[in-house]
C-alpha atoms as a PDB file:
ATOM      1  CA  MET A   1       5.679  -3.961   4.446  1.00  0.00           C
ATOM      2  CA  ALA A   2       4.829  -3.831   0.656  1.00  0.00           C
ATOM      3  CA  ASP A   3       6.220  -1.538  -1.719  1.00  0.00           C
ATOM      4  CA  VAL A   4       3.524   0.827  -3.589  1.00  0.00           C
ATOM      5  CA  GLY A   5       5.430   2.454  -6.104  1.00  0.00           C
ATOM      6  CA  SER A   6       7.445   5.687  -5.940  1.00  0.00           C
ATOM      7  CA  ASP A   7       6.730   9.096  -5.346  1.00  0.00           C
ATOM      8  CA  PRO A   8       6.721  11.064  -8.541  1.00  0.00           C
ATOM      9  CA  ALA A   9       8.255  14.210  -7.062  1.00  0.00           C
ATOM     10  CA  THR A  10      11.391  12.836  -5.775  1.00  0.00           C
ATOM     11  CA  GLY A  11      11.477   9.524  -7.229  1.00  0.00           C
ATOM     12  CA  LYS A  12      11.926   7.706  -3.948  1.00  0.00           C
ATOM     13  CA  ARG A  13      10.196   4.835  -2.931  1.00  0.00           C
ATOM     14  CA  LYS A  14       7.142   4.193  -1.182  1.00  0.00           C
ATOM     15  CA  GLN A  15       6.126   1.726   1.083  1.00  0.00           C
ATOM     16  CA  LEU A  16       3.102   0.827   2.778  1.00  0.00           C
ATOM     17  CA  THR A  17       3.206  -0.697   6.391  1.00  0.00           C
ATOM     18  CA  ARG A  18       0.574  -2.652   8.048  1.00  0.00           C
ATOM     19  CA  THR A  19       0.371  -5.373  11.544  1.00  0.00           C
ATOM     20  CA  PHE A  20      -1.404  -8.498  11.196  1.00  0.00           C
ATOM     21  CA  GLY A  21      -2.078 -11.113  13.933  1.00  0.00           C
ATOM     22  CA  THR A  22      -1.081 -13.910  12.046  1.00  0.00           C
ATOM     23  CA  LEU A  23       0.907 -15.173   9.217  1.00  0.00           C
ATOM     24  CA  ARG A  24      -1.492 -15.926   6.911  1.00  0.00           C
ATOM     25  CA  GLU A  25      -3.245 -12.864   7.091  1.00  0.00           C
ATOM     26  CA  ALA A  26      -0.482 -10.893   6.367  1.00  0.00           C
ATOM     27  CA  LYS A  27       0.311 -12.868   3.262  1.00  0.00           C
ATOM     28  CA  VAL A  28      -3.417 -12.661   2.094  1.00  0.00           C
ATOM     29  CA  GLU A  29      -2.963  -8.783   2.137  1.00  0.00           C
ATOM     30  CA  TYR A  30       0.529  -8.822   0.727  1.00  0.00           C
ATOM     31  CA  ALA A  31      -0.919 -10.620  -2.212  1.00  0.00           C
ATOM     32  CA  ARG A  32      -4.201  -8.447  -2.874  1.00  0.00           C
ATOM     33  CA  ILE A  33      -2.087  -5.066  -2.404  1.00  0.00           C
ATOM     34  CA  THR A  34       0.851  -6.424  -5.084  1.00  0.00           C
ATOM     35  CA  ASN A  35      -2.254  -7.209  -7.189  1.00  0.00           C
ATOM     36  CA  ARG A  36      -3.819  -4.020  -7.064  1.00  0.00           C
ATOM     37  CA  ARG A  37      -0.370  -2.342  -7.734  1.00  0.00           C
ATOM     38  CA  TYR A  38       0.626  -4.288 -10.294  1.00  0.00           C
ATOM     39  CA  GLY A  39      -2.854  -3.484 -11.845  1.00  0.00           C
ATOM     40  CA  GLY A  40      -3.115   0.131 -11.644  1.00  0.00           C
ATOM     41  CA  THR A  41      -5.917   0.192  -8.635  1.00  0.00           C
ATOM     42  CA  LEU A  42      -4.092   0.730  -5.750  1.00  0.00           C
ATOM     43  CA  VAL A  43      -4.936   4.092  -3.903  1.00  0.00           C
ATOM     44  CA  GLU A  44      -2.744   4.872  -1.438  1.00  0.00           C
ATOM     45  CA  PRO A  45      -4.224   5.881   2.307  1.00  0.00           C
ATOM     46  CA  ASN A  46      -4.060   9.209   3.609  1.00  0.00           C
ATOM     47  CA  LYS A  47      -5.110  11.285   6.914  1.00  0.00           C
ATOM     48  CA  ILE A  48      -7.076  13.877   4.901  1.00  0.00           C
ATOM     49  CA  THR A  49     -11.009  14.142   6.009  1.00  0.00           C
ATOM     50  CA  VAL A  50     -13.845  14.671   4.036  1.00  0.00           C
ATOM     51  CA  ASN A  51     -13.984  18.207   5.652  1.00  0.00           C
ATOM     52  CA  GLU A  52     -10.787  19.189   4.078  1.00  0.00           C
END
């Protein structure tokens, strides 16, 4: 689980949860997410389709 910032409307923190097969894979992804968050390039996943 990684913090990905806060919701501007409510001020509550947002978290991103993913599942991995190994601890190493999880650490690599956590580092990537954290780096992108602090760099300002993190785009949160959503379930909106192209048609919408």
